[in-house]
Every structure is written in C-alpha cells, then in structure tokens.
C-alpha cells in the first residue's frame, strides 16, 4: 500500500480560465486519503458546495488559511 500523497495547486500561477479544469482533474485523480492543497486569491467555497452536492461524503475540506490575500484549503478523498 502506498503512503498518502499531497499535491499543491496555486491557482494564482495558472493561466486565467484554466483553474477550474486543472483543479477538478486533480480532485478526481485523488486516491483514498490523498490530499490536494489549493491556494487561491479568494475563498473557494463554491467548489466546496459543488463537491458536497455532486459527491456527498466523498471529500473532506479543511481551511489552512483564510485570507485576506490568500486562501488555502486541503481537500481529501475520504476512503469508503
């Protein structure tokens, strides 16, 4: 069994318009207990709401930093 991994995506460094696709590809590629940390210039709460609606109970969400200049969240795929 492999150890859980953590990936960081800083959306502030991505080309405008590509953030959503990059983030959702990374989220859907997460294995059980792997995590993804996202750094963004705003609160990514719409993404949390989407995950909670479209994939209830599949992902954990923890704020690591809450602005004002950067928001960092850790998203974890929850093992069934």
Protein backbone atom coordinates (compact mmCIF):
# COMPACT_ATOMS: atom_id res chain seq x y z
CA UNK A 1 0.00 0.00 0.00
CA UNK A 2 1.35 3.44 -0.95
CA UNK A 3 1.59 6.28 1.54
CA UNK A 4 -0.93 9.10 1.02
CA UNK A 5 0.33 11.96 -1.13
CA UNK A 6 -0.34 15.67 -1.04
CA UNK A 7 -0.43 17.82 -4.17
CA UNK A 8 -0.35 21.63 -4.21
CA UNK A 9 -2.04 23.76 -6.85
CA UNK A 10 -1.54 27.51 -6.64
CA UNK A 11 -4.29 28.86 -8.88
CA UNK A 12 -2.71 32.32 -8.78
CA UNK A 13 0.03 30.93 -11.07
CA UNK A 14 -2.34 29.30 -13.58
CA UNK A 15 -3.50 30.94 -16.81
CA UNK A 16 -6.87 32.63 -16.45
CA UNK A 17 -9.71 30.31 -17.39
CA UNK A 18 -7.79 27.07 -16.75
CA UNK A 19 -8.14 26.91 -12.95
CA UNK A 20 -11.41 25.02 -12.72
CA UNK A 21 -10.34 22.26 -15.14
CA UNK A 22 -6.93 21.83 -13.50
CA UNK A 23 -8.46 21.63 -10.02
CA UNK A 24 -11.27 19.23 -10.92
CA UNK A 25 -8.88 16.92 -12.77
CA UNK A 26 -6.64 16.84 -9.69
CA UNK A 27 -9.59 16.25 -7.34
CA UNK A 28 -10.94 13.36 -9.40
CA UNK A 29 -7.46 11.82 -9.62
CA UNK A 30 -7.10 11.66 -5.82
CA UNK A 31 -6.77 8.19 -4.36
CA UNK A 32 -8.24 7.37 -0.94
CA UNK A 33 -6.64 9.52 1.77
CA UNK A 34 -4.60 11.55 -0.76
CA UNK A 35 -4.89 15.30 -0.37
CA UNK A 36 -4.87 18.33 -2.58
CA UNK A 37 -3.98 21.78 -1.26
CA UNK A 38 -5.33 24.69 -3.25
CA UNK A 39 -4.03 28.25 -2.85
CA UNK A 40 -6.39 30.87 -4.26
CA UNK A 41 -6.80 34.66 -4.14
CA UNK A 42 -10.40 34.24 -2.90
CA UNK A 43 -12.46 31.85 -0.82
CA UNK A 44 -13.11 28.74 -2.97
CA UNK A 45 -16.35 27.99 -1.14
CA UNK A 46 -18.31 27.45 -4.42
CA UNK A 47 -16.07 24.45 -5.08
CA UNK A 48 -16.78 23.06 -1.60
CA UNK A 49 -20.51 23.48 -2.21
CA UNK A 50 -20.24 21.71 -5.58
CA UNK A 51 -18.30 18.78 -4.10
CA UNK A 52 -20.81 18.46 -1.27
CA UNK A 53 -23.71 18.35 -3.73
CA UNK A 54 -22.20 16.31 -6.58
CA UNK A 55 -20.07 13.97 -4.42
CA UNK A 56 -21.61 13.89 -0.94
CA UNK A 57 -19.37 12.30 1.68
CA UNK A 58 -16.52 11.63 -0.77
CA UNK A 59 -14.26 14.57 0.14
CA UNK A 60 -13.07 16.29 3.29
CA UNK A 61 -12.40 20.05 3.25
CA UNK A 62 -10.21 21.97 5.71
CA UNK A 63 -9.21 25.62 5.62
CA UNK A 64 -5.50 26.10 6.24
CA UNK A 65 -5.52 29.86 5.64
CA UNK A 66 -8.49 32.22 5.27
CA UNK A 67 -7.36 35.41 3.52
CA UNK A 68 -7.32 38.23 3.10
CA UNK A 69 -4.66 37.80 0.39
CA UNK A 70 -4.66 34.02 0.01
CA UNK A 71 -6.99 31.20 0.94
CA UNK A 72 -5.52 27.72 1.27
CA UNK A 73 -7.71 24.64 1.59
CA UNK A 74 -6.88 20.97 1.89
CA UNK A 75 -9.22 18.60 0.06
CA UNK A 76 -9.01 14.92 0.97
CA UNK A 77 -10.65 11.95 -0.71
CA UNK A 78 -12.37 10.02 2.07
CA UNK A 79 -11.96 6.25 1.97
CA UNK A 80 -15.32 4.47 1.83
